[in-house]
Amino acid sequence: MEHRSALSPVRPPVRSAGDGPAHGTFLAGPADPHLAPRERLLGNGVPLADVTGRPRPDLTAGPRDALHEEVSEQLWSRGLAAIQLDDPLTDNRFTALGAFLGTAMPERDPAVAPYVEREVILNLRSEHARTDDVSLQPFAVNHLSLHTESSGAPVDTQPRYIVLMCLAPGDAAQGARTVLVPMREVARRLSPETLAVLSRTRYRDRPGVPTIARQVGDRWVFSFRDFLADELRWSYEGPEEDATAVGDALRELLAAMYAPEHARGLQWRRGLLVVIDNTYFFHGRTSGSATPEARQRHLKRLRVV
């Protein structure tokens, strides 16, 4: 009887015409090592160290420069700023913070148009039940797999910062928390051989997209998301014989992303302001549960290049 592995299906890489990059596909299999840790982490089965916002109520209505200085200091030191304000910022103050950090990206996806203010502020309200519509999942109770924001876009159009502000934390029993995983710790769990393979591998059919792993100064930065049950189409720019290692490298990367030791959680509170450096952290979200409208979570988001 033919033996079939329960790991991800392996298809031999194909060399493009004209000696171009080899290409292939990756699809998670039922025995892949990241599946059980992912279920525990995103299903609220793992206690998470909480990212505590530094209490600075005076910055709510204080000078803009003081808020900007506090955000800069925290981003410089750890790639993450978390500040607990007495009240959320006004939209003017919120967009001014985005302008200080860079240029806020317009939210042009027609599916999210009802949630957009001032072209750049996205209102994340947990008002949908579980959905398979990827565009609506940020507004639903689904968990969101760990990812780099806009991982399938060229580097200069990927947001550098994701700015989140809580207007209403939702029902405490809802359970949905933002999850942060430092890229530094993920890279430390990967072998040098795996990092070398990932530094030559990129999403296929995405013009200008960076490699899945790249070095920026002395650190590794990833442009990658967990595709869940969808197929990941990749291309590999290196010796053809090495392309057979891409599937194992992706499997090792996913296992490192979902290792629970370094995952941290954001327990949202009204007035909590968080800025995530997209080159320092993967982020995702745990599952929630349907709640009455009066207790739905409401965050505002800016994406800044």
Protein backbone atom coordinates (compact mmCIF):
# COMPACT_ATOMS: atom_id res chain seq x y z
CA MET A 1 0.00 0.00 0.00
CA GLU A 2 1.31 3.48 -0.86
CA HIS A 3 2.27 5.53 2.18
CA ARG A 4 1.10 9.16 2.20
CA SER A 5 2.64 11.61 4.66
CA ALA A 6 0.29 13.76 6.71
CA LEU A 7 2.72 16.65 6.40
CA SER A 8 2.29 19.37 3.80
CA PRO A 9 2.07 17.94 0.28
CA VAL A 10 5.44 18.21 -1.41
CA ARG A 11 5.51 18.98 -5.12
CA PRO A 12 8.82 19.03 -6.97
CA PRO A 13 9.87 22.60 -7.80
CA VAL A 14 9.69 23.62 -11.43
CA ARG A 15 12.34 25.71 -13.18
CA SER A 16 10.84 28.62 -15.12
CA ALA A 17 11.47 28.94 -18.83
CA GLY A 18 14.77 30.60 -19.68
CA ASP A 19 16.50 29.45 -16.48
CA GLY A 20 14.40 31.78 -14.34
CA PRO A 21 13.58 31.14 -10.67
CA ALA A 22 12.26 27.76 -9.62
CA HIS A 23 8.69 27.85 -8.43
CA GLY A 24 6.31 25.66 -6.47
CA THR A 25 3.48 25.63 -3.95
CA PHE A 26 3.10 25.02 -0.23
CA LEU A 27 -0.10 23.81 1.42
CA ALA A 28 -0.25 23.00 5.13
CA GLY A 29 -0.95 19.36 5.94
CA PRO A 30 -2.82 17.97 8.98
CA ALA A 31 0.36 16.89 10.79
CA ASP A 32 2.37 20.08 10.27
CA PRO A 33 3.97 21.07 13.59
CA HIS A 34 2.52 24.60 13.77
CA LEU A 35 -1.15 23.58 13.65
CA ALA A 36 -1.66 22.55 17.27
CA PRO A 37 0.29 25.53 18.73
CA ARG A 38 -1.65 27.87 16.42
CA GLU A 39 -4.97 26.45 17.61
CA ARG A 40 -3.97 26.91 21.25
CA LEU A 41 -2.54 30.40 20.76
CA LEU A 42 -5.31 31.89 18.61
CA GLY A 43 -8.05 29.91 20.35
CA ASN A 44 -7.23 31.56 23.69
CA GLY A 45 -5.71 28.37 25.06
CA VAL A 46 -2.35 29.96 25.94
CA PRO A 47 -1.93 32.50 28.75
CA LEU A 48 -0.22 35.52 27.21
CA ALA A 49 2.08 38.03 28.86
CA ASP A 50 0.21 41.31 28.64
CA VAL A 51 1.63 44.33 26.85
CA THR A 52 0.96 47.01 29.44
CA GLY A 53 0.42 50.53 28.21
CA ARG A 54 2.52 53.13 30.01
CA PRO A 55 -0.01 55.32 31.90
CA ARG A 56 0.17 58.84 30.44
CA PRO A 57 -3.27 60.45 30.87
CA ASP A 58 -1.73 63.92 30.53
CA LEU A 59 -0.97 63.22 26.87
CA THR A 60 -4.64 63.00 25.88
CA ALA A 61 -5.14 66.75 25.75
CA GLY A 62 -1.52 67.83 26.23
CA PRO A 63 0.86 69.15 23.57
CA ARG A 64 1.16 67.05 20.43
CA ASP A 65 4.94 67.16 20.69
CA ALA A 66 4.86 65.41 24.07
CA LEU A 67 2.79 62.54 22.68
CA HIS A 68 4.98 62.26 19.61
CA GLU A 69 8.12 62.22 21.73
CA GLU A 70 6.74 59.44 23.93
CA VAL A 71 5.79 57.33 20.91
CA SER A 72 9.20 57.90 19.31
CA GLU A 73 11.06 56.91 22.47
CA GLN A 74 9.18 53.63 22.83
CA LEU A 75 9.43 52.73 19.14
CA TRP A 76 13.17 53.41 19.18
CA SER A 77 13.75 51.22 22.20
CA ARG A 78 11.57 48.19 21.34
CA GLY A 79 9.73 48.62 18.02
CA LEU A 80 6.45 49.01 19.90
CA ALA A 81 4.73 51.91 21.67
CA ALA A 82 1.87 51.36 24.14
CA ILE A 83 0.41 54.31 26.02
CA GLN A 84 -2.63 54.26 28.29
CA LEU A 85 -4.50 57.55 27.96
CA ASP A 86 -7.47 58.70 30.00
CA ASP A 87 -9.53 59.06 26.82
CA PRO A 88 -9.03 58.29 23.12
CA LEU A 89 -7.50 60.98 20.95
CA THR A 90 -9.71 63.07 18.71
CA ASP A 91 -9.55 62.22 15.02
CA ASN A 92 -7.44 65.34 14.47
CA ARG A 93 -4.90 64.25 17.07
CA PHE A 94 -4.99 60.67 15.78
CA THR A 95 -4.28 61.64 12.17
CA ALA A 96 -1.63 64.12 13.33
CA LEU A 97 0.20 61.23 15.00
CA GLY A 98 0.06 59.36 11.70
CA ALA A 99 1.46 62.39 9.87
CA PHE A 100 4.28 62.62 12.42
CA LEU A 101 5.23 58.98 11.79
CA GLY A 102 5.00 59.18 8.00
CA THR A 103 2.15 59.12 5.47
CA ALA A 104 -1.15 57.43 6.33
CA MET A 105 -2.27 54.93 3.69
CA PRO A 106 -5.73 55.46 2.16
CA GLU A 107 -8.15 52.59 2.79
CA ARG A 108 -9.37 51.92 -0.75
CA ASP A 109 -10.77 48.38 -0.52
CA PRO A 110 -14.48 48.71 -1.46
CA ALA A 111 -15.35 45.99 1.07
CA VAL A 112 -14.25 48.18 4.00
CA ALA A 113 -15.62 51.50 2.69
CA PRO A 114 -18.44 51.65 5.31
CA TYR A 115 -15.82 51.59 8.07
CA VAL A 116 -13.54 54.34 6.73
CA GLU A 117 -13.30 57.93 7.96
CA ARG A 118 -11.16 60.68 6.44
CA GLU A 119 -9.94 58.16 3.84
CA VAL A 120 -7.26 56.80 6.21
CA ILE A 121 -8.96 55.86 9.52
CA LEU A 122 -10.39 52.34 9.62
CA ASN A 123 -12.98 51.62 12.31
CA LEU A 124 -12.51 48.04 13.47
CA ARG A 125 -15.82 47.02 15.02
CA SER A 126 -16.50 43.39 15.96
CA GLU A 127 -19.98 43.30 14.45
CA HIS A 128 -19.91 40.20 12.22
CA ALA A 129 -20.20 36.55 13.14
CA ARG A 130 -17.57 34.16 11.80
CA THR A 131 -17.04 34.68 8.06
CA ASP A 132 -14.91 33.23 5.27
CA ASP A 133 -14.81 36.63 3.54
CA VAL A 134 -11.20 37.72 4.12
CA SER A 135 -12.10 41.40 3.70
CA LEU A 136 -14.64 41.22 6.55
CA GLN A 137 -12.65 39.06 8.97
CA PRO A 138 -11.12 42.09 10.78
CA PHE A 139 -14.72 43.05 11.68
CA ALA A 140 -15.76 39.53 12.71
CA VAL A 141 -15.12 37.11 15.57
CA ASN A 142 -12.64 35.03 13.54
CA HIS A 143 -9.10 34.71 14.74
CA LEU A 144 -6.56 36.35 12.44
CA SER A 145 -3.44 34.32 11.69
CA LEU A 146 -0.02 35.80 12.40
CA HIS A 147 1.24 37.97 9.59
CA THR A 148 3.23 40.94 8.39
CA GLU A 149 0.89 43.72 7.24
CA SER A 150 0.71 43.83 3.41
CA SER A 151 3.28 41.05 3.10
CA GLY A 152 2.42 40.65 -0.60
CA ALA A 153 3.27 44.25 -1.51
CA PRO A 154 6.62 45.88 -2.39
CA VAL A 155 8.55 47.10 0.64
CA ASP A 156 7.95 50.79 -0.11
CA THR A 157 4.17 50.24 -0.09
CA GLN A 158 4.09 48.09 3.03
CA PRO A 159 3.13 50.07 6.13
CA ARG A 160 6.02 50.65 8.49
CA TYR A 161 3.69 51.38 11.40
CA ILE A 162 0.25 50.15 12.43
CA VAL A 163 -1.43 52.62 14.81
CA LEU A 164 -4.30 51.27 16.90
CA MET A 165 -6.46 53.13 19.42
CA CYS A 166 -9.21 51.67 21.58
CA LEU A 167 -12.56 53.45 21.85
CA ALA A 168 -14.42 50.49 23.36
CA PRO A 169 -12.73 47.28 24.57
CA GLY A 170 -15.80 45.07 24.10
CA ASP A 171 -17.07 42.42 26.43
CA ALA A 172 -14.29 40.98 28.59
CA ALA A 173 -15.80 37.54 27.98
CA GLN A 174 -15.42 38.02 24.23
CA GLY A 175 -11.77 37.08 24.60
CA ALA A 176 -10.36 38.62 21.40
CA ARG A 177 -6.83 39.92 21.97
CA THR A 178 -4.22 41.27 19.59
CA VAL A 179 -1.19 38.94 19.55
CA LEU A 180 2.36 40.16 18.97
CA VAL A 181 5.36 37.94 18.20
CA PRO A 182 8.83 39.53 17.89
CA MET A 183 10.55 38.76 14.59
CA ARG A 184 13.86 38.71 16.47
CA GLU A 185 12.76 35.69 18.49
CA VAL A 186 11.38 33.92 15.42
CA ALA A 187 14.70 34.39 13.60
CA ARG A 188 16.59 32.98 16.60
CA ARG A 189 14.59 29.76 16.35
CA LEU A 190 15.47 29.25 12.68
CA SER A 191 18.60 27.51 11.44
CA PRO A 192 21.06 29.48 9.29
CA GLU A 193 20.19 27.16 6.39
CA THR A 194 16.48 27.95 6.72
CA LEU A 195 17.12 31.70 6.84
CA ALA A 196 19.28 31.37 3.72
CA VAL A 197 16.48 29.56 1.86
CA LEU A 198 13.83 32.08 2.97
CA SER A 199 16.08 34.97 1.90
CA ARG A 200 15.85 33.61 -1.67
CA THR A 201 12.12 32.79 -1.60
CA ARG A 202 9.26 35.17 -2.34
CA TYR A 203 5.56 35.07 -3.18
CA ARG A 204 5.05 34.23 -6.83
CA ASP A 205 3.06 36.49 -9.19
CA ARG A 206 3.50 39.54 -6.92
CA PRO A 207 5.70 42.04 -8.81
CA GLY A 208 8.29 43.73 -6.63
CA VAL A 209 7.47 41.76 -3.50
CA PRO A 210 10.45 41.24 -1.14
CA THR A 211 11.83 37.90 -0.14
CA ILE A 212 10.13 36.22 2.81
CA ALA A 213 13.19 36.94 4.98
CA ARG A 214 15.66 39.77 4.45
CA GLN A 215 18.38 41.37 6.51
CA VAL A 216 18.01 44.99 7.57
CA GLY A 217 21.18 46.04 9.32
CA ASP A 218 21.92 43.35 11.89
CA ARG A 219 18.40 41.94 12.16
CA TRP A 220 16.10 39.71 10.13
CA VAL A 221 12.81 41.14 8.83
CA PHE A 222 10.03 38.95 7.45
CA SER A 223 7.35 39.65 4.84
CA PHE A 224 5.04 36.71 5.38
CA ARG A 225 1.63 35.63 6.54
CA ASP A 226 0.23 32.28 7.59
CA PHE A 227 -1.96 31.29 4.63
CA LEU A 228 -4.01 28.90 6.80
CA ALA A 229 -5.71 26.41 4.44
CA ASP A 230 -4.90 28.38 1.29
CA GLU A 231 -2.10 27.52 -1.11
CA LEU A 232 1.07 29.60 -1.00
CA ARG A 233 2.63 29.99 -4.46
CA TRP A 234 6.36 30.71 -4.20
CA SER A 235 9.40 31.30 -6.39
CA TYR A 236 12.97 30.53 -5.41
CA GLU A 237 16.05 32.39 -6.65
CA GLY A 238 18.97 30.09 -5.99
CA PRO A 239 20.49 26.75 -6.96
CA GLU A 240 17.74 24.51 -8.31
CA GLU A 241 18.75 21.65 -6.02
CA ASP A 242 18.14 23.89 -2.98
CA ALA A 243 14.56 24.70 -4.03
CA THR A 244 13.43 21.35 -2.65
CA ALA A 245 14.08 22.78 0.84
CA VAL A 246 11.51 25.59 0.51
CA GLY A 247 8.63 23.55 1.93
CA ASP A 248 10.64 22.52 4.99
CA ALA A 249 11.83 26.10 5.49
CA LEU A 250 8.25 27.43 5.42
CA ARG A 251 7.18 24.71 7.85
CA GLU A 252 10.04 25.63 10.21
CA LEU A 253 9.11 29.34 9.96
CA LEU A 254 5.46 28.69 10.85
CA ALA A 255 6.46 26.53 13.82
CA ALA A 256 8.75 29.30 15.09
CA MET A 257 6.02 31.94 14.68
CA TYR A 258 3.56 30.00 16.82
CA ALA A 259 5.99 28.92 19.56
CA PRO A 260 4.18 30.32 22.63
CA GLU A 261 7.21 31.41 24.65
CA HIS A 262 7.54 34.87 23.13
CA ALA A 263 3.94 35.66 22.17
CA ARG A 264 2.46 38.66 23.94
CA GLY A 265 -1.12 39.88 24.12
CA LEU A 266 -2.85 43.24 24.05
CA GLN A 267 -5.81 43.39 26.42
CA TRP A 268 -7.63 46.40 25.06
CA ARG A 269 -8.85 49.17 27.36
CA ARG A 270 -10.52 52.41 26.41
CA GLY A 271 -7.82 54.98 25.65
CA LEU A 272 -5.04 52.45 24.99
CA LEU A 273 -2.90 53.68 22.09
CA VAL A 274 -0.53 51.20 20.43
CA VAL A 275 1.94 51.67 17.56
CA ILE A 276 3.45 48.49 16.08
CA ASP A 277 6.55 48.57 13.91
CA ASN A 278 5.70 46.19 11.07
CA THR A 279 9.37 45.27 10.66
CA TYR A 280 9.77 44.17 14.29
CA PHE A 281 6.61 42.16 15.02
CA PHE A 282 4.23 39.66 13.48
CA HIS A 283 0.70 40.34 14.67
CA GLY A 284 -2.61 38.51 14.70
CA ARG A 285 -5.74 38.16 16.83
CA THR A 286 -7.30 35.51 19.00
CA SER A 287 -10.86 34.29 18.48
CA GLY A 288 -13.77 36.24 19.91
CA SER A 289 -17.43 35.47 20.42
CA ALA A 290 -20.59 37.23 19.36
CA THR A 291 -21.69 39.94 21.79
CA PRO A 292 -24.57 42.45 21.91
CA GLU A 293 -23.91 45.63 19.96
CA ALA A 294 -23.48 47.66 23.15
CA ARG A 295 -20.46 45.55 24.12
CA GLN A 296 -18.70 45.24 20.75
CA ARG A 297 -15.03 46.11 20.52
CA HIS A 298 -14.15 49.28 18.59
CA LEU A 299 -10.60 50.16 17.57
CA LYS A 300 -9.41 52.84 15.17
CA ARG A 301 -6.50 52.04 12.87
CA LEU A 302 -4.03 53.93 10.75
CA ARG A 303 -1.45 52.27 8.48
CA VAL A 304 1.58 54.49 7.95
CA VAL A 305 4.31 54.26 5.30
